[in-house]
Amino acid sequence: MNNTTGNRSETWLERLALDGIVTRLKELTVPADALTWNRFFGALLLVLLVLVFLTGAFMAFYYSPAPGSAYDSVDYALFTLPFGDVIKGIHHYGWNLFLIVMGLHLVRGFIFGAYKPPRQFVWVSGIFIMLLVPAIVITGDLLPWDQKGYWSTQVRISIIGSVPFVGDFMVRLLQGGPLTGIVALTRFYVLHILFLPCLLIFLLVIHFHFIGHRGLSGPLSGNTTSRPIVSFFPVMFNRWLILFLSVTLLLGFISWYWPAPLGDPADPTDSTYVPKPEWWVLFLNQLVTIFKGPLSVIGSVIIPAGLAGLLIALPFIDSSPERHPARRKKVMLVAAMMAIALVVLSIMGYLEHFRASHS
């Protein structure tokens, strides 16, 4: 009986042309430290991405991308639909946690020199992913059609409009008209659930392609001969599955206890509403506040674009084989100064927008 079942399975795998893939998965090995208690940011990012995609797909069944019904459809999914608050909460908290873990993943990769040859394009593809994720979050902010999402989008559109040469074109492309209405909401919806996720998946495929060919970053000592190896399936897959279940339960509990926020319905005539920036854009918002008038382009375009370009070019600027942070003092010092500047700007933004409103 067992032999017959095995032959039938083998036959179906051959018929579906999956036998080669299954064999390669069984033969695939990875370093044992690829997913451990002190090295799990990459795996956690994949967990969060899967959760956000699944919950987003579920919410799309109930969402109506029209100003007259968008808010009601989100309200229904959040407060009436069974477990809707948990689904919406996992989506909301998942993105926030994704941004935090992505930052930690970047910092860890920088400190341990994970961008060093031959892994330059692993780093570069990761930076492009990091730059794309905020666009996905921003396009999703408008979809609930509440006050915060609507007026935050108005602020961002005004910043985009200040970009020289392409600002007006980008605003027309996003809004589809002089006002943020049904055309803008539809375009943000399509970008959020279709175009940007597809681009993200494409970049992830490229990222994993380079990881597969260049490998994971090794120990700082450079000694890889004693690095234990385990099978990808089932050992590493089971570890990832345990992480997936743990994070799902944790985010589900948080979402049940603290439901995702939903403000009042958007009122385009209420020009007195002042949206507060999200925590992850406080430093960018403060840059826009500091540089005003003709100098606004410095805070909205030049400095952010310069930081992004510097991150992309880092593997080619610091191309020495040395990975130990203690022997990369110049690079670490420059990075520390930039990090301090970002923290200071974020604190200034928090004091201006949050502490001032409570006083």
Protein backbone atom coordinates (compact mmCIF):
# COMPACT_ATOMS: atom_id res chain seq x y z
CA MET A 1 0.00 0.00 0.00
CA ASN A 2 2.77 2.44 0.90
CA ASN A 3 4.71 1.68 -2.26
CA THR A 4 1.62 2.26 -4.39
CA THR A 5 0.95 5.59 -2.71
CA GLY A 6 4.57 6.63 -3.15
CA ASN A 7 4.50 5.72 -6.84
CA ARG A 8 1.27 7.67 -7.34
CA SER A 9 2.78 10.75 -5.67
CA GLU A 10 5.91 10.46 -7.73
CA THR A 11 3.86 10.14 -10.89
CA TRP A 12 1.82 13.24 -10.11
CA LEU A 13 4.99 15.22 -9.36
CA GLU A 14 6.38 14.14 -12.72
CA ARG A 15 3.15 14.99 -14.50
CA LEU A 16 3.16 18.47 -12.96
CA ALA A 17 6.89 18.86 -13.71
CA LEU A 18 7.52 19.45 -10.00
CA ASP A 19 9.74 16.46 -9.30
CA GLY A 20 12.92 18.39 -10.07
CA ILE A 21 11.90 21.31 -7.84
CA VAL A 22 11.05 18.99 -4.92
CA THR A 23 14.36 17.18 -5.31
CA ARG A 24 16.31 20.44 -5.33
CA LEU A 25 14.47 21.67 -2.22
CA LYS A 26 15.37 18.48 -0.39
CA GLU A 27 19.01 18.83 -1.43
CA LEU A 28 19.22 22.55 -0.64
CA THR A 29 21.33 23.39 2.40
CA VAL A 30 21.78 26.69 4.24
CA PRO A 31 23.96 27.83 7.14
CA ALA A 32 22.47 26.82 10.48
CA ASP A 33 22.66 30.43 11.71
CA ALA A 34 20.45 31.71 8.86
CA LEU A 35 17.52 31.79 11.30
CA THR A 36 18.50 31.86 14.96
CA TRP A 37 17.62 33.91 18.04
CA ASN A 38 20.29 36.51 17.17
CA ARG A 39 19.75 36.53 13.41
CA PHE A 40 16.12 36.55 12.36
CA PHE A 41 15.34 40.00 10.93
CA GLY A 42 15.24 38.81 7.31
CA ALA A 43 12.99 35.86 8.14
CA LEU A 44 10.75 38.09 10.27
CA LEU A 45 10.40 40.56 7.39
CA LEU A 46 9.21 37.72 5.15
CA VAL A 47 6.71 36.64 7.84
CA LEU A 48 5.32 40.15 8.17
CA LEU A 49 5.11 40.59 4.40
CA VAL A 50 3.10 37.38 4.02
CA LEU A 51 0.77 38.46 6.83
CA VAL A 52 0.25 41.92 5.35
CA PHE A 53 -0.43 40.50 1.88
CA LEU A 54 -2.92 37.92 3.23
CA THR A 55 -4.81 40.40 5.43
CA GLY A 56 -4.80 43.00 2.64
CA ALA A 57 -6.27 40.48 0.19
CA PHE A 58 -8.99 39.61 2.72
CA MET A 59 -9.88 43.29 3.30
CA ALA A 60 -10.06 43.88 -0.46
CA PHE A 61 -13.14 41.64 -0.56
CA TYR A 62 -15.06 44.20 1.50
CA TYR A 63 -13.48 47.46 0.41
CA SER A 64 -15.24 49.90 -1.93
CA PRO A 65 -12.84 52.43 -3.56
CA ALA A 66 -15.27 55.35 -3.78
CA PRO A 67 -15.38 58.42 -1.48
CA GLY A 68 -19.04 57.85 -0.65
CA SER A 69 -18.58 54.26 0.52
CA ALA A 70 -14.86 53.74 1.29
CA TYR A 71 -15.14 54.81 4.94
CA ASP A 72 -18.30 52.76 5.53
CA SER A 73 -16.72 49.64 4.04
CA VAL A 74 -13.67 49.98 6.32
CA ASP A 75 -15.93 50.69 9.30
CA TYR A 76 -17.98 47.60 8.52
CA ALA A 77 -14.90 45.38 8.17
CA LEU A 78 -13.42 46.75 11.40
CA PHE A 79 -16.44 46.74 13.72
CA THR A 80 -19.09 44.43 12.25
CA LEU A 81 -17.37 41.65 10.31
CA PRO A 82 -16.39 38.66 12.53
CA PHE A 83 -12.66 38.93 13.31
CA GLY A 84 -12.50 41.99 11.06
CA ASP A 85 -10.80 43.97 13.80
CA VAL A 86 -8.12 41.28 14.08
CA ILE A 87 -7.55 41.18 10.31
CA LYS A 88 -7.37 44.98 10.03
CA GLY A 89 -5.18 45.16 13.13
CA ILE A 90 -2.69 42.60 11.85
CA HIS A 91 -2.48 44.59 8.62
CA HIS A 92 -1.99 47.87 10.48
CA TYR A 93 0.47 46.69 13.12
CA GLY A 94 2.22 44.42 10.61
CA TRP A 95 3.24 47.37 8.43
CA ASN A 96 4.45 49.36 11.42
CA LEU A 97 6.49 46.43 12.70
CA PHE A 98 7.75 45.78 9.17
CA LEU A 99 9.20 49.30 9.01
CA ILE A 100 10.91 48.87 12.41
CA VAL A 101 12.40 45.47 11.55
CA MET A 102 13.47 46.73 8.13
CA GLY A 103 15.41 49.53 9.82
CA LEU A 104 17.02 47.07 12.25
CA HIS A 105 17.88 44.76 9.34
CA LEU A 106 19.56 47.66 7.56
CA VAL A 107 21.52 48.69 10.68
CA ARG A 108 22.66 45.13 11.35
CA GLY A 109 23.77 44.69 7.73
CA PHE A 110 25.73 47.94 7.89
CA ILE A 111 27.43 47.21 11.21
CA PHE A 112 28.50 43.73 10.14
CA GLY A 113 29.57 44.86 6.67
CA ALA A 114 27.04 42.72 4.84
CA TYR A 115 27.38 45.00 1.79
CA LYS A 116 31.04 44.07 1.26
CA PRO A 117 32.16 42.18 -1.86
CA PRO A 118 30.84 39.92 -3.27
CA ARG A 119 27.43 40.90 -1.81
CA GLN A 120 27.17 44.43 -3.22
CA PHE A 121 23.99 43.77 -5.19
CA VAL A 122 22.35 41.96 -2.29
CA TRP A 123 22.65 45.27 -0.44
CA VAL A 124 21.59 47.42 -3.41
CA SER A 125 18.48 45.34 -4.12
CA GLY A 126 17.61 45.51 -0.41
CA ILE A 127 17.88 49.30 -0.45
CA PHE A 128 15.50 49.51 -3.41
CA ILE A 129 13.03 47.38 -1.45
CA MET A 130 13.43 49.71 1.54
CA LEU A 131 12.71 52.75 -0.65
CA LEU A 132 9.61 51.14 -2.19
CA VAL A 133 7.90 50.07 1.04
CA PRO A 134 7.04 53.63 2.21
CA ALA A 135 5.27 54.24 -1.12
CA ILE A 136 3.06 51.21 -0.44
CA VAL A 137 2.27 52.45 3.06
CA ILE A 138 1.54 56.00 1.86
CA THR A 139 -0.85 54.86 -0.87
CA GLY A 140 -2.68 52.79 1.72
CA ASP A 141 -3.15 55.73 4.09
CA LEU A 142 -5.77 57.34 1.84
CA LEU A 143 -7.91 54.21 1.42
CA PRO A 144 -9.93 54.40 4.70
CA TRP A 145 -11.01 57.90 3.59
CA ASP A 146 -10.85 59.25 7.13
CA GLN A 147 -9.65 62.69 8.19
CA LYS A 148 -6.09 61.67 8.93
CA GLY A 149 -5.62 59.72 5.72
CA TYR A 150 -7.19 62.40 3.54
CA TRP A 151 -5.33 65.39 4.94
CA SER A 152 -2.03 63.54 5.26
CA THR A 153 -2.34 62.77 1.57
CA GLN A 154 -3.00 66.45 0.85
CA VAL A 155 0.22 67.37 2.66
CA ARG A 156 2.20 64.75 0.74
CA ILE A 157 0.74 65.84 -2.58
CA SER A 158 1.73 69.44 -1.86
CA ILE A 159 5.28 68.25 -1.11
CA ILE A 160 5.36 66.23 -4.33
CA GLY A 161 4.11 69.29 -6.23
CA SER A 162 7.11 71.29 -4.99
CA VAL A 163 9.57 68.95 -6.70
CA PRO A 164 11.18 70.79 -9.64
CA PHE A 165 10.42 69.71 -13.21
CA VAL A 166 8.36 66.59 -12.42
CA GLY A 167 6.28 67.73 -9.42
CA ASP A 168 3.24 68.96 -11.36
CA PHE A 169 3.25 65.89 -13.58
CA MET A 170 3.40 63.56 -10.57
CA VAL A 171 0.50 65.35 -8.87
CA ARG A 172 -1.65 65.11 -12.01
CA LEU A 173 -0.72 61.45 -12.34
CA LEU A 174 -1.71 60.65 -8.75
CA GLN A 175 -4.77 62.91 -8.40
CA GLY A 176 -6.13 62.72 -11.92
CA GLY A 177 -7.56 66.21 -11.45
CA PRO A 178 -7.38 69.37 -9.34
CA LEU A 179 -8.89 67.70 -6.24
CA THR A 180 -8.34 64.49 -4.30
CA GLY A 181 -11.53 62.66 -5.18
CA ILE A 182 -12.72 59.40 -6.67
CA VAL A 183 -10.04 59.31 -9.39
CA ALA A 184 -7.25 59.82 -6.84
CA LEU A 185 -8.74 57.21 -4.50
CA THR A 186 -9.03 54.69 -7.33
CA ARG A 187 -5.46 55.30 -8.46
CA PHE A 188 -4.09 55.01 -4.92
CA TYR A 189 -6.08 51.79 -4.49
CA VAL A 190 -4.71 50.26 -7.70
CA LEU A 191 -1.17 51.32 -6.79
CA HIS A 192 -1.53 49.93 -3.28
CA ILE A 193 -2.97 46.51 -4.10
CA LEU A 194 -1.56 45.84 -7.59
CA PHE A 195 1.31 47.81 -9.11
CA LEU A 196 3.48 48.47 -6.05
CA PRO A 197 3.09 44.95 -4.55
CA CYS A 198 4.01 43.44 -7.93
CA LEU A 199 7.07 45.67 -8.07
CA LEU A 200 7.92 44.65 -4.51
CA ILE A 201 7.67 40.95 -5.39
CA PHE A 202 9.90 41.56 -8.43
CA LEU A 203 12.53 43.25 -6.26
CA LEU A 204 12.29 40.45 -3.69
CA VAL A 205 12.93 37.86 -6.41
CA ILE A 206 16.03 39.82 -7.45
CA HIS A 207 17.11 40.13 -3.81
CA PHE A 208 16.77 36.38 -3.18
CA HIS A 209 18.49 35.67 -6.51
CA PHE A 210 21.60 37.54 -5.35
CA ILE A 211 21.40 35.94 -1.89
CA GLY A 212 21.23 32.51 -3.53
CA HIS A 213 24.31 33.23 -5.65
CA ARG A 214 26.35 35.26 -3.17
CA GLY A 215 25.22 33.61 0.04
CA LEU A 216 24.45 34.98 3.46
CA SER A 217 26.98 37.21 5.15
CA GLY A 218 29.48 35.14 7.08
CA PRO A 219 30.95 35.63 10.54
CA LEU A 220 33.14 38.68 11.14
CA SER A 221 36.13 36.42 11.66
CA GLY A 222 35.88 35.33 8.03
CA ASN A 223 36.19 31.68 9.06
CA THR A 224 33.41 29.82 7.25
CA THR A 225 34.97 26.35 7.39
CA SER A 226 33.42 25.55 10.77
CA ARG A 227 30.00 27.02 9.92
CA PRO A 228 27.32 24.32 10.47
CA ILE A 229 25.01 23.50 7.56
CA VAL A 230 21.40 22.31 7.77
CA SER A 231 18.80 21.35 5.16
CA PHE A 232 16.43 24.06 4.00
CA PHE A 233 13.52 21.63 4.04
CA PRO A 234 12.36 20.69 6.57
CA VAL A 235 14.75 22.19 9.17
CA MET A 236 14.86 25.84 8.10
CA PHE A 237 11.29 25.81 6.80
CA ASN A 238 10.03 24.52 10.16
CA ARG A 239 11.90 27.28 12.00
CA TRP A 240 10.30 29.89 9.73
CA LEU A 241 6.88 28.29 10.23
CA ILE A 242 7.24 28.49 14.03
CA LEU A 243 8.20 32.16 13.69
CA PHE A 244 5.20 32.75 11.40
CA LEU A 245 2.74 31.18 13.85
CA SER A 246 4.25 33.03 16.82
CA VAL A 247 4.08 36.43 15.13
CA THR A 248 0.54 35.77 13.87
CA LEU A 249 -0.68 34.94 17.38
CA LEU A 250 1.10 37.94 18.89
CA LEU A 251 -0.23 40.44 16.33
CA GLY A 252 -3.66 38.84 16.54
CA PHE A 253 -3.76 39.33 20.30
CA ILE A 254 -2.55 42.94 20.00
CA SER A 255 -5.15 43.64 17.30
CA TRP A 256 -7.93 42.15 19.41
CA TYR A 257 -6.94 44.11 22.50
CA TRP A 258 -6.00 47.38 20.74
CA PRO A 259 -8.02 47.67 17.49
CA ALA A 260 -6.49 49.55 14.59
CA PRO A 261 -7.41 53.25 14.66
CA LEU A 262 -10.08 54.72 12.39
CA GLY A 263 -10.83 58.43 12.64
CA ASP A 264 -13.82 60.46 11.54
CA PRO A 265 -14.91 60.35 7.88
CA ALA A 266 -12.91 62.60 5.59
CA ASP A 267 -14.25 66.12 5.19
CA PRO A 268 -12.53 67.91 2.29
CA THR A 269 -14.10 71.22 3.40
CA ASP A 270 -12.54 71.07 6.88
CA SER A 271 -9.33 72.99 6.20
CA THR A 272 -8.76 73.45 9.95
CA TYR A 273 -7.77 69.80 10.42
CA VAL A 274 -4.00 69.45 10.88
CA PRO A 275 -2.78 65.86 10.41
CA LYS A 276 0.05 64.58 12.57
CA PRO A 277 2.89 62.86 10.72
CA GLU A 278 3.52 59.16 11.23
CA TRP A 279 6.43 58.24 13.50
CA TRP A 280 8.56 56.99 10.61
CA VAL A 281 8.41 60.26 8.64
CA LEU A 282 8.96 62.66 11.53
CA PHE A 283 12.50 63.47 10.42
CA LEU A 284 11.41 64.06 6.81
CA ASN A 285 8.53 66.23 7.96
CA GLN A 286 10.92 68.26 10.09
CA LEU A 287 13.25 68.77 7.13
CA VAL A 288 10.34 70.19 5.14
CA THR A 289 9.52 72.45 8.10
CA ILE A 290 13.10 73.73 8.41
CA PHE A 291 13.60 74.52 4.72
CA LYS A 292 10.78 76.81 3.60
CA GLY A 293 9.99 78.88 0.53
CA PRO A 294 12.57 78.64 -2.28
CA LEU A 295 14.70 76.34 -0.10
CA SER A 296 11.93 73.77 0.41
CA VAL A 297 13.37 71.57 -2.33
CA ILE A 298 16.42 70.98 -0.11
CA GLY A 299 14.35 69.29 2.59
CA SER A 300 11.83 67.58 0.34
CA VAL A 301 14.11 66.31 -2.43
CA ILE A 302 17.84 66.99 -2.22
CA ILE A 303 18.62 65.65 1.28
CA PRO A 304 16.34 62.54 1.08
CA ALA A 305 17.58 61.74 -2.43
CA GLY A 306 21.17 62.25 -1.31
CA LEU A 307 20.72 59.84 1.63
CA ALA A 308 19.12 57.25 -0.65
CA GLY A 309 21.89 57.62 -3.22
CA LEU A 310 24.52 57.29 -0.51
CA LEU A 311 22.99 54.05 0.73
CA ILE A 312 22.88 52.63 -2.80
CA ALA A 313 26.48 53.65 -3.51
CA LEU A 314 27.84 52.49 -0.12
CA PRO A 315 29.19 49.10 -1.33
CA PHE A 316 31.16 50.86 -4.05
CA ILE A 317 32.39 53.69 -1.82
CA ASP A 318 33.51 51.39 1.02
CA SER A 319 34.72 48.45 -1.07
CA SER A 320 37.57 47.25 1.16
CA PRO A 321 37.30 43.63 2.33
CA GLU A 322 37.41 44.66 6.01
CA ARG A 323 34.09 43.97 7.74
CA HIS A 324 34.79 44.39 11.45
CA PRO A 325 33.16 47.63 12.70
CA ALA A 326 36.13 48.47 14.96
CA ARG A 327 38.38 48.60 11.89
CA ARG A 328 35.98 50.72 9.84
CA LYS A 329 36.11 53.78 12.07
CA LYS A 330 35.61 56.46 9.39
CA VAL A 331 32.52 54.84 7.90
CA MET A 332 31.07 54.09 11.34
CA LEU A 333 31.67 57.68 12.48
CA VAL A 334 29.92 59.18 9.45
CA ALA A 335 27.01 56.76 9.88
CA ALA A 336 26.75 57.59 13.59
CA MET A 337 26.61 61.31 12.83
CA MET A 338 23.84 60.76 10.28
CA ALA A 339 21.92 58.54 12.68
CA ILE A 340 22.16 61.17 15.43
CA ALA A 341 20.91 63.83 13.00
CA LEU A 342 17.90 61.67 12.08
CA VAL A 343 17.09 61.00 15.74
CA VAL A 344 17.36 64.70 16.62
CA LEU A 345 15.11 65.67 13.70
CA SER A 346 12.58 63.01 14.74
CA ILE A 347 12.56 64.27 18.34
CA MET A 348 12.10 67.85 17.10
CA GLY A 349 9.20 66.71 14.92
CA TYR A 350 7.62 64.82 17.81
CA LEU A 351 7.87 67.81 20.14
CA GLU A 352 6.40 70.12 17.51
CA HIS A 353 3.49 67.98 16.39
CA PHE A 354 2.61 65.88 19.43
CA ARG A 355 3.79 67.57 22.62
CA ALA A 356 2.64 70.99 21.42
CA SER A 357 -0.88 69.67 20.75
CA HIS A 358 -1.15 68.31 24.32
CA SER A 359 0.05 71.48 26.02
